[in-house]
Structure formats: C-alpha cells, structure tokens
Amino acid sequence: MIPKISRYAIIVLFIVALSILLPNLYWMIFDKPIQAPMVFYSSIKKDFLFSRNRSGNESEYFDKERNTFDRKTFRTFLPFTYYGDLLKWNILPDNIDGVPISYSIIRNKSLNLSFEPKDLNTPVIDLYPLFESQSEFARLELPDELFRVCTSLEFIDAETNKIVPAKSKEFTHALSDAGFQFPAKYITGNPTTKKPFDEGYFIIDAMNSVYHLKQIKGQPFCVNTGIPTDLNIRFIMVQENSMKEYLGAIVTKTNEIYLIRYNNYALTKLPVDGYIADKMVFRLQCNPIYRMVKYYDDKGLTYTVMDSNYNYIDTYQTSWTPREEWTSSKIAAIVFPFSIERTSKNYRYIKFKFVLNGKLSLIGILLGLIITYFLKIYLYHEKLRNNWFDFIIVLFSGLFGTLAVLLIRPEPWD
C-alpha cells in the first residue's frame, strides 16, 4: 500500500512540474510578437503616420493611405519625436502653428505618463519615505524614517525600527486638523529620488476624501484636495514633472481616467472609451502642442489626439488577432488541459495561477486515455485492474498524466 501511495505522490508532483514547464517551453517555440505598426501623430501633416519593422533591421514608413516615405522624410514629419535629428540637420522649425519651437522648449514641454495592469494590482509594502520637498540641496535625499498611516501617522526610524514620537504626533495632528478621518484606505506617491522635485503623497481617508501630504522645511503640509468622494478611485499615479501641468492620474473602478491638475487639484477627464484597466497598457504623451492618449492590449489599440487644452482632435483605432485565437493556441488547449502560470501581466511578483484551457482540452484527455490504454496493454503488459487509478489521473490531467503514469511505473508486485 505504501509503495502505491508513494508512486501516486510522485506522479502528482511530476504532473505539477509538467504543467509549469511544458506550456512555457511550447510558447518559447511557438509564440510570436504581434506585428502591429507603431503609431505617431504628425504636427506637420496633421495626420497619423506609421512605422513597421520588416525582415532584418529594415522598416517601412507610411500614412493611412499607404503612401510610403524614406526614413529621413518620415522623421521630418515628427519634429517632437525626432527633434535631435532635425536639429543636427538644421531643419528644426522655429515654430509650428504659431507655437515657438526650440530644442529646450521641446525638452521642457514633453513628457510621458504610463501605467499597466501590473501597476494597479501588485501589492506594496505600507512603509513610505517622506522627502523634504524644499531641500536646500540640488538633489532629493532619502530620509532616515519611513511612515505608515494606521489609526495615526507614524514615523519609524529605519535603523532602529522604533517609532519617532514627536514627528509622528506633529504629522498626525496636521492630518486631523485638515479633517482627515483615520484609518487610511489608500496611500500613493512617487517614492524615488530620481525626479526633479517632490510632491509627497495622496492619501484617501476612511470617508473617501483625498488628501495631499508633503513635508516643507521639516513641517507638515496637508490639505483636502476636494476630489469627489464618490469617484470610486482604484489607483492614483503621482508623477512630478517640469511642465507642472498635472500632479498625476486617477483610475477609477469603472475604468475612467482623470488627470489631477497642478495647484488646484481640478480633474480633467481623458477620452478612454473602451479602456479596461486590468488588461490594457495606458500612455499619455505630451508635447508643446498636443496631448496624445494611447491604450492597447493583445487585441487592438486606440490612439486619441487632443490639443494642449485637452480638446479632441482625432482618433485612430486598429485591431489584430488576439493570441487565444491563434492556431497554436488551439493546439496548446488540446495538448495541455491546464497550466500553472508563475507570472502574469497583471502582477509583478511570482504568483502561481491555475488556468484551465476550455473544451478543446477534452480532445487531449481522450487522446491521453487512448495512448495510456494501448501502451499499458501492448507495451508494458500490465493488469489494468491493479492500476485502474492511473486512468482517473489521466482523466483529470490529460497528456500530463499520460506522461506521468507511463514514466513512473508501478512496482512489479503491484
């Protein structure tokens, strides 16, 4: 009895290992990148332009009417993207549509904000550094303490792991005086020294009010932003940038996106119809004239262009065949009734996930039962009544189970 139990335990472990390794190996061989073109909006042609990689290192450049351009001509149509090349060629325009243009203007008034499903779903450690926002030094420096917000705001010395009582009390009172209701539901900021300046953190209190907290000359700055409490905020990305046009972006639970405008915390709603936060990558690109919103997944892309006041100009949409509709995906569903994924596009950490492959896997299970039966009868000459449980294993694990029960054979006396 014990040998049988040991064998089946090994078989189960073997099936788990196969369900991780074999699908990964399969997709290393048969996966292929989506050949979608890169999309640009030309401030010269006032239309969308595209580039696509061909064989080797060659690329093709074209517009919506499939008119093609050489590489240099294509770049002249995109002065905000390839301003370095245009400057070298001495053809960078002095102005576009009456807006002055120069190398420094483009550098200072161009920025990107982006996030993806991983940013929204990956958990964070609830300890945060509070920078000095008006330091007398050129660079931001990491503080000696980290803070957390529970029933009060507590600063913890990073070296001794002890609470700093005076500073904790001072900042707790500042939050309370501003109307903050403990405990905090959500805290977000940009905890890195690799930014031009610091704007602290946004904290959502127990009543869903959004507060802005930062440290100025060692003193707490805390204010209720006035952002609506019924917005159903899911995620806030804070981004300090030299343009000082916005503090960051809000994603709601209903897949809406708002920019938090600088100084007054006013919200600007972005045109993101069809955006799904758990599936799509979002990018906002700004230059001296345009604001461009792009969001995409493995099914398609939407690219919307607005002016500097976020008034709508134009939209381009395209789609492509998603991976689940590829022939290789259908074959995988037959061969692998399930898989165990260790990584996900929605998560930054290792996280095991059991994934079923649908009705097509029944074909693979039937094939596995047939193979198991014939090999056990005609190759191994086994008595099936003694190892009938092998077929139960194959019934629930398909070809994974077939490999396992055929490679890990019963003892001769079983």
Protein backbone atom coordinates (compact mmCIF):
# COMPACT_ATOMS: atom_id res chain seq x y z
CA MET A 1 0.00 0.00 0.00
CA ILE A 2 2.78 2.41 0.93
CA PRO A 3 4.58 1.95 -2.44
CA LYS A 4 1.33 2.79 -4.23
CA ILE A 5 0.84 5.95 -2.19
CA SER A 6 4.46 6.96 -2.77
CA ARG A 7 4.10 6.39 -6.51
CA TYR A 8 0.95 8.47 -6.75
CA ALA A 9 2.53 11.25 -4.71
CA ILE A 10 5.46 11.33 -7.14
CA ILE A 11 3.04 11.30 -10.08
CA VAL A 12 1.17 14.31 -8.70
CA LEU A 13 4.42 16.25 -8.24
CA PHE A 14 5.50 15.25 -11.74
CA ILE A 15 2.20 16.49 -13.23
CA VAL A 16 2.54 19.83 -11.41
CA ALA A 17 6.10 20.23 -12.77
CA LEU A 18 5.00 19.33 -16.30
CA SER A 19 2.08 21.79 -16.17
CA ILE A 20 4.57 24.57 -15.44
CA LEU A 21 7.45 23.60 -17.72
CA LEU A 22 5.83 22.19 -20.87
CA PRO A 23 3.49 25.14 -21.64
CA ASN A 24 6.41 27.54 -21.09
CA LEU A 25 8.59 25.52 -23.45
CA TYR A 26 5.78 25.35 -26.01
CA TRP A 27 5.30 29.12 -26.07
CA MET A 28 9.05 29.73 -26.22
CA ILE A 29 8.91 27.90 -29.55
CA PHE A 30 5.56 29.00 -30.98
CA ASP A 31 4.91 32.44 -29.53
CA LYS A 32 5.36 35.32 -31.95
CA PRO A 33 5.31 39.07 -31.42
CA ILE A 34 2.31 40.95 -32.76
CA GLN A 35 3.40 42.77 -35.90
CA ALA A 36 1.44 45.91 -35.15
CA PRO A 37 2.78 49.18 -36.57
CA MET A 38 3.97 51.99 -34.34
CA VAL A 39 1.56 54.92 -34.49
CA PHE A 40 2.52 58.61 -34.45
CA TYR A 41 0.65 61.87 -34.92
CA SER A 42 2.41 64.34 -37.18
CA SER A 43 2.31 68.01 -36.22
CA ILE A 44 3.37 68.78 -39.82
CA LYS A 45 0.89 66.63 -41.78
CA LYS A 46 -1.84 66.83 -39.11
CA ASP A 47 -2.49 63.13 -39.50
CA PHE A 48 -1.40 59.73 -38.25
CA LEU A 49 1.80 58.14 -39.50
CA PHE A 50 3.08 54.61 -39.05
CA SER A 51 6.27 52.61 -39.00
CA ARG A 52 6.61 48.84 -39.13
CA ASN A 53 9.60 46.53 -38.85
CA ARG A 54 10.17 44.27 -41.81
CA SER A 55 12.69 41.46 -42.27
CA GLY A 56 16.10 42.13 -40.81
CA ASN A 57 16.61 45.64 -39.49
CA GLU A 58 14.60 47.33 -42.23
CA SER A 59 11.49 49.36 -41.50
CA GLU A 60 8.74 50.80 -43.64
CA TYR A 61 7.16 54.21 -43.08
CA PHE A 62 3.72 55.15 -44.34
CA ASP A 63 0.49 57.07 -43.76
CA LYS A 64 -3.15 55.95 -43.65
CA GLU A 65 -3.35 55.98 -47.47
CA ARG A 66 -0.30 53.67 -47.62
CA ASN A 67 1.89 56.38 -49.11
CA THR A 68 5.43 55.43 -48.17
CA PHE A 69 8.38 57.60 -47.10
CA ASP A 70 12.04 57.14 -46.62
CA ARG A 71 13.38 57.22 -43.08
CA LYS A 72 14.66 60.81 -43.15
CA THR A 73 11.48 62.24 -44.67
CA PHE A 74 9.40 60.36 -42.13
CA ARG A 75 11.35 61.89 -39.25
CA THR A 76 10.96 65.40 -40.60
CA PHE A 77 7.19 64.95 -40.19
CA LEU A 78 7.66 64.24 -36.47
CA PRO A 79 9.72 67.11 -35.06
CA PHE A 80 8.65 66.48 -31.43
CA THR A 81 9.81 62.87 -31.60
CA TYR A 82 12.99 63.24 -33.65
CA TYR A 83 13.97 66.81 -32.74
CA GLY A 84 17.56 65.72 -32.16
CA ASP A 85 17.88 64.59 -35.78
CA LEU A 86 16.17 67.72 -37.15
CA LEU A 87 18.46 69.91 -35.07
CA LYS A 88 21.50 68.10 -36.46
CA TRP A 89 20.17 68.56 -39.99
CA ASN A 90 19.49 72.26 -39.27
CA ILE A 91 15.82 71.89 -40.24
CA LEU A 92 14.11 72.07 -36.83
CA PRO A 93 11.21 74.55 -37.34
CA ASP A 94 11.24 77.84 -35.41
CA ASN A 95 7.51 77.47 -34.82
CA ILE A 96 4.63 75.16 -35.60
CA ASP A 97 1.13 76.63 -35.84
CA GLY A 98 2.43 79.81 -34.23
CA VAL A 99 3.90 77.99 -31.23
CA PRO A 100 7.63 78.74 -30.76
CA ILE A 101 9.79 75.64 -31.10
CA SER A 102 13.35 75.03 -29.98
CA TYR A 103 15.39 72.21 -28.52
CA SER A 104 14.94 73.48 -24.96
CA ILE A 105 11.20 74.14 -25.38
CA ILE A 106 10.61 70.61 -26.66
CA ARG A 107 12.69 69.12 -23.85
CA ASN A 108 10.89 71.07 -21.14
CA LYS A 109 7.38 70.64 -22.51
CA SER A 110 7.46 66.96 -23.43
CA LEU A 111 6.66 64.16 -21.05
CA ASN A 112 5.12 60.73 -20.81
CA LEU A 113 2.92 59.14 -18.20
CA SER A 114 2.20 55.44 -18.40
CA PHE A 115 0.94 52.54 -16.35
CA GLU A 116 -0.18 48.98 -16.95
CA PRO A 117 -2.19 46.31 -15.12
CA LYS A 118 0.82 45.34 -13.00
CA ASP A 119 0.95 48.84 -11.54
CA LEU A 120 -2.66 48.61 -10.40
CA ASN A 121 -2.63 45.11 -8.95
CA THR A 122 0.77 44.48 -7.40
CA PRO A 123 0.67 44.95 -3.61
CA VAL A 124 3.06 47.37 -1.94
CA ILE A 125 4.68 47.44 1.48
CA ASP A 126 2.87 50.10 3.50
CA LEU A 127 6.02 51.98 4.52
CA TYR A 128 6.86 55.17 2.65
CA PRO A 129 9.70 57.72 2.65
CA LEU A 130 8.58 61.33 3.09
CA PHE A 131 11.07 63.56 1.28
CA GLU A 132 11.88 67.14 2.10
CA SER A 133 10.04 68.99 -0.68
CA GLN A 134 12.04 72.22 -0.37
CA SER A 135 15.51 70.98 0.36
CA GLU A 136 18.40 73.42 0.25
CA PHE A 137 20.34 70.87 -1.78
CA ALA A 138 20.05 70.20 -5.50
CA ARG A 139 19.07 66.55 -5.21
CA LEU A 140 16.41 64.81 -3.21
CA GLU A 141 17.73 62.68 -0.38
CA LEU A 142 16.22 59.62 1.24
CA PRO A 143 15.08 60.38 4.80
CA ASP A 144 16.10 58.40 7.88
CA GLU A 145 12.49 57.49 8.64
CA LEU A 146 9.62 55.75 6.88
CA PHE A 147 5.99 56.49 7.64
CA ARG A 148 2.77 54.49 7.75
CA VAL A 149 -0.83 55.51 8.33
CA CYS A 150 -2.97 53.30 10.56
CA THR A 151 -5.02 54.81 13.39
CA SER A 152 -2.46 57.61 13.31
CA LEU A 153 0.51 58.62 11.18
CA GLU A 154 3.67 57.01 12.50
CA PHE A 155 7.27 57.67 11.53
CA ILE A 156 9.61 54.72 12.07
CA ASP A 157 13.38 55.09 12.27
CA ALA A 158 14.77 52.88 9.51
CA GLU A 159 17.88 51.95 11.50
CA THR A 160 16.43 51.21 14.93
CA ASN A 161 12.90 50.22 13.83
CA LYS A 162 11.49 52.43 16.58
CA ILE A 163 8.67 54.97 16.28
CA VAL A 164 9.73 58.63 16.23
CA PRO A 165 7.08 60.03 18.63
CA ALA A 166 7.47 63.80 18.20
CA LYS A 167 7.35 63.82 14.42
CA SER A 168 4.57 61.21 14.38
CA LYS A 169 2.43 63.34 16.69
CA GLU A 170 3.06 66.52 14.68
CA PHE A 171 2.03 64.99 11.35
CA THR A 172 -0.94 63.15 12.87
CA HIS A 173 -2.27 66.44 14.24
CA ALA A 174 -1.73 68.10 10.84
CA LEU A 175 -3.82 65.44 9.13
CA SER A 176 -6.53 65.63 11.80
CA ASP A 177 -6.64 69.44 11.64
CA ALA A 178 -7.20 69.19 7.87
CA GLY A 179 -10.21 66.96 8.50
CA PHE A 180 -8.61 63.57 7.84
CA GLN A 181 -10.52 60.59 9.24
CA PHE A 182 -8.34 57.63 10.24
CA PRO A 183 -7.59 54.93 9.18
CA ALA A 184 -6.25 55.48 5.66
CA LYS A 185 -7.72 53.40 2.83
CA TYR A 186 -5.07 54.14 0.22
CA ILE A 187 -1.66 55.83 0.03
CA THR A 188 0.26 56.58 -3.12
CA GLY A 189 3.25 58.64 -4.14
CA ASN A 190 6.42 58.50 -6.19
CA PRO A 191 9.00 57.24 -3.66
CA THR A 192 12.17 57.77 -5.65
CA THR A 193 14.95 60.34 -5.65
CA LYS A 194 15.09 60.18 -9.46
CA LYS A 195 12.67 63.06 -10.04
CA PRO A 196 13.10 66.83 -10.37
CA PHE A 197 11.23 67.67 -7.15
CA ASP A 198 8.87 66.10 -4.64
CA GLU A 199 5.11 66.48 -4.30
CA GLY A 200 4.59 64.00 -1.49
CA TYR A 201 1.63 61.64 -1.27
CA PHE A 202 -2.09 61.39 -1.89
CA ILE A 203 -3.93 59.65 0.94
CA ILE A 204 -7.57 58.53 0.92
CA ASP A 205 -9.13 58.57 4.37
CA ALA A 206 -11.94 56.48 5.88
CA MET A 207 -14.57 58.81 4.35
CA ASN A 208 -13.06 58.54 0.81
CA SER A 209 -11.71 62.10 0.91
CA VAL A 210 -8.39 62.58 -0.88
CA TYR A 211 -5.67 64.48 1.00
CA HIS A 212 -2.34 65.77 -0.23
CA LEU A 213 0.53 65.35 2.24
CA LYS A 214 4.13 66.51 1.94
CA GLN A 215 6.95 67.92 4.05
CA ILE A 216 8.09 71.53 3.62
CA LYS A 217 11.10 72.73 5.63
CA GLY A 218 10.50 69.90 8.06
CA GLN A 219 6.87 70.91 8.63
CA PRO A 220 3.73 69.04 7.51
CA PHE A 221 1.72 70.32 4.58
CA CYS A 222 -1.70 68.68 4.46
CA VAL A 223 -4.78 69.73 2.51
CA ASN A 224 -8.06 68.20 1.44
CA THR A 225 -7.88 68.20 -2.37
CA GLY A 226 -11.64 68.40 -2.83
CA ILE A 227 -11.57 65.48 -5.26
CA PRO A 228 -15.11 63.98 -5.20
CA THR A 229 -15.55 61.25 -2.61
CA ASP A 230 -17.87 59.26 -4.91
CA LEU A 231 -15.32 58.90 -7.68
CA ASN A 232 -14.61 55.24 -6.74
CA ILE A 233 -10.86 55.66 -7.03
CA ARG A 234 -8.92 52.48 -7.67
CA PHE A 235 -5.43 53.79 -8.40
CA ILE A 236 -3.54 57.08 -8.40
CA MET A 237 -0.21 57.55 -10.15
CA VAL A 238 1.84 60.52 -8.92
CA GLN A 239 4.35 61.96 -11.36
CA GLU A 240 6.41 65.06 -10.72
CA ASN A 241 7.43 66.74 -13.98
CA SER A 242 8.93 70.04 -15.07
CA MET A 243 5.81 71.05 -17.03
CA LYS A 244 3.81 71.20 -13.79
CA GLU A 245 0.62 70.67 -15.77
CA TYR A 246 -0.64 67.82 -13.64
CA LEU A 247 0.32 66.01 -10.45
CA GLY A 248 -0.72 62.58 -11.64
CA ALA A 249 -3.57 60.45 -12.90
CA ILE A 250 -6.55 58.71 -11.30
CA VAL A 251 -8.01 55.40 -12.49
CA THR A 252 -11.50 54.65 -11.21
CA LYS A 253 -13.14 51.28 -10.63
CA THR A 254 -15.27 51.96 -13.72
CA ASN A 255 -12.17 52.35 -15.95
CA GLU A 256 -12.27 56.13 -16.21
CA ILE A 257 -9.03 58.14 -16.15
CA TYR A 258 -8.63 61.68 -14.80
CA LEU A 259 -5.61 63.95 -14.61
CA ILE A 260 -5.08 65.85 -11.35
CA ARG A 261 -4.22 69.38 -12.42
CA TYR A 262 -1.40 71.19 -10.71
CA ASN A 263 -2.07 73.70 -7.88
CA ASN A 264 -5.88 73.45 -7.66
CA TYR A 265 -6.40 69.64 -7.92
CA ALA A 266 -9.04 70.10 -10.63
CA LEU A 267 -9.76 66.94 -12.62
CA THR A 268 -9.51 66.58 -16.39
CA LYS A 269 -11.30 63.52 -17.74
CA LEU A 270 -9.46 61.79 -20.57
CA PRO A 271 -11.21 60.16 -23.57
CA VAL A 272 -10.65 56.46 -22.87
CA ASP A 273 -13.81 54.74 -24.10
CA GLY A 274 -13.15 51.01 -24.18
CA TYR A 275 -10.22 51.17 -21.78
CA ILE A 276 -10.00 48.17 -19.41
CA ALA A 277 -7.55 48.74 -16.57
CA ASP A 278 -6.92 45.04 -15.88
CA LYS A 279 -5.99 44.29 -19.48
CA MET A 280 -4.60 47.41 -21.15
CA VAL A 281 -1.45 49.48 -21.11
CA PHE A 282 -2.12 53.23 -20.90
CA ARG A 283 0.16 56.02 -22.10
CA LEU A 284 -0.21 59.79 -22.11
CA GLN A 285 2.27 61.70 -24.29
CA CYS A 286 2.58 65.47 -24.13
CA ASN A 287 4.48 67.88 -26.37
CA PRO A 288 4.30 71.67 -26.80
CA ILE A 289 1.16 71.41 -29.00
CA TYR A 290 -0.61 68.08 -28.46
CA ARG A 291 -1.75 65.71 -25.77
CA MET A 292 -1.98 62.10 -27.00
CA VAL A 293 -3.69 59.22 -25.22
CA LYS A 294 -2.88 55.66 -26.21
CA TYR A 295 -4.18 52.41 -24.71
CA TYR A 296 -3.81 48.90 -26.04
CA ASP A 297 -3.82 45.18 -25.27
CA ASP A 298 -3.31 42.00 -27.29
CA LYS A 299 -6.46 42.73 -29.30
CA GLY A 300 -6.01 46.29 -30.51
CA LEU A 301 -5.02 49.91 -29.96
CA THR A 302 -6.78 53.25 -29.62
CA TYR A 303 -4.85 56.49 -30.14
CA THR A 304 -6.56 59.83 -29.44
CA VAL A 305 -5.05 63.25 -30.11
CA MET A 306 -6.04 66.45 -28.26
CA ASP A 307 -4.74 70.00 -28.19
CA SER A 308 -2.92 71.48 -25.19
CA ASN A 309 -6.28 72.26 -23.56
CA TYR A 310 -7.38 68.64 -23.95
CA ASN A 311 -9.89 69.40 -26.67
CA TYR A 312 -10.49 66.45 -29.00
CA ILE A 313 -8.78 66.46 -32.43
CA ASP A 314 -8.69 62.95 -33.90
CA THR A 315 -8.69 59.22 -33.10
CA TYR A 316 -7.12 56.20 -34.74
CA GLN A 317 -8.14 52.63 -33.90
CA THR A 318 -6.79 49.31 -35.09
CA SER A 319 -7.12 45.69 -34.06
CA TRP A 320 -5.35 42.40 -34.59
CA THR A 321 -5.92 38.71 -33.92
CA PRO A 322 -5.51 38.00 -30.20
CA ARG A 323 -3.33 35.12 -29.07
CA GLU A 324 -6.24 32.98 -27.88
CA GLU A 325 -7.47 32.80 -31.50
CA TRP A 326 -4.15 31.65 -32.97
CA THR A 327 -3.91 28.09 -34.30
CA SER A 328 -1.01 27.48 -31.92
CA SER A 329 -3.27 28.46 -29.00
CA LYS A 330 -5.91 25.94 -30.07
CA ILE A 331 -3.26 23.22 -30.33
CA ALA A 332 -1.98 24.18 -26.88
CA ALA A 333 -5.51 23.88 -25.47
CA ILE A 334 -5.73 20.34 -26.85
CA VAL A 335 -2.29 19.25 -25.64
CA PHE A 336 -2.43 20.98 -22.25
CA PRO A 337 -5.77 20.66 -20.41
CA PHE A 338 -4.48 23.17 -17.88
CA SER A 339 -1.34 25.03 -16.96
CA ILE A 340 0.14 26.56 -13.85
CA GLU A 341 1.42 30.08 -14.52
CA ARG A 342 4.10 31.61 -12.30
CA THR A 343 3.96 35.11 -13.74
CA SER A 344 1.18 37.33 -15.01
CA LYS A 345 0.90 40.57 -16.95
CA ASN A 346 -1.30 41.76 -14.08
CA TYR A 347 1.22 41.09 -11.32
CA ARG A 348 4.90 41.83 -10.71
CA TYR A 349 5.60 39.07 -8.20
CA ILE A 350 5.71 35.31 -8.62
CA LYS A 351 2.15 34.13 -8.20
CA PHE A 352 1.01 30.62 -9.08
CA LYS A 353 -2.25 30.56 -11.01
CA PHE A 354 -4.19 27.50 -12.18
CA VAL A 355 -5.51 28.08 -15.72
CA LEU A 356 -7.99 25.77 -17.49
CA ASN A 357 -7.84 25.60 -21.29
CA GLY A 358 -11.50 25.03 -22.09
CA LYS A 359 -13.47 22.45 -24.04
CA LEU A 360 -10.72 21.72 -26.57
CA SER A 361 -8.76 20.03 -23.78
CA LEU A 362 -11.33 17.19 -23.86
CA ILE A 363 -9.73 16.07 -27.13
CA GLY A 364 -6.35 15.87 -25.44
CA ILE A 365 -7.79 13.99 -22.47
CA LEU A 366 -9.41 11.41 -24.77
CA LEU A 367 -6.15 11.05 -26.69
CA GLY A 368 -4.27 10.62 -23.41
CA LEU A 369 -6.63 7.86 -22.26
CA ILE A 370 -6.24 6.00 -25.58
CA ILE A 371 -2.43 6.26 -25.52
CA THR A 372 -2.31 5.16 -21.89
CA TYR A 373 -4.54 2.16 -22.55
CA PHE A 374 -2.66 0.82 -25.57
CA LEU A 375 0.81 1.31 -24.11
CA LYS A 376 -0.10 -0.32 -20.82
CA ILE A 377 -1.73 -3.29 -22.57
CA TYR A 378 0.61 -3.90 -25.53
CA LEU A 379 3.95 -2.49 -24.34
CA TYR A 380 4.01 -2.89 -20.58
CA HIS A 381 1.59 -5.85 -20.39
CA GLU A 382 0.08 -4.53 -17.20
CA LYS A 383 -3.05 -5.77 -15.48
CA LEU A 384 -5.38 -2.79 -15.66
CA ARG A 385 -7.48 -3.86 -12.71
CA ASN A 386 -4.43 -3.38 -10.49
CA ASN A 387 -3.70 0.18 -11.75
CA TRP A 388 -7.10 1.49 -12.71
CA PHE A 389 -6.45 4.68 -10.76
CA ASP A 390 -3.89 5.67 -13.43
CA PHE A 391 -6.79 6.29 -15.80
CA ILE A 392 -8.51 8.52 -13.24
CA ILE A 393 -5.32 10.57 -13.11
CA VAL A 394 -5.21 10.84 -16.93
CA LEU A 395 -8.91 11.76 -16.99
CA PHE A 396 -8.21 14.85 -14.88
CA SER A 397 -4.76 15.76 -16.20
CA GLY A 398 -4.72 14.72 -19.88
CA LEU A 399 -1.35 14.21 -21.53
CA PHE A 400 0.45 15.43 -18.40
CA GLY A 401 -1.00 12.42 -16.59
CA THR A 402 -0.22 10.12 -19.52
CA LEU A 403 3.46 11.01 -19.35
CA ALA A 404 3.47 10.68 -15.58
CA VAL A 405 1.82 7.25 -15.28
CA LEU A 406 3.82 5.80 -18.18
CA LEU A 407 7.19 7.07 -16.93
CA ILE A 408 6.60 6.38 -13.26
CA ARG A 409 5.55 2.76 -13.49
CA PRO A 410 4.15 0.62 -10.70
CA GLU A 411 6.35 -1.86 -8.91
CA PRO A 412 6.35 -5.38 -10.43
CA TRP A 413 4.44 -6.77 -7.46
CA ASP A 414 1.64 -4.15 -7.67
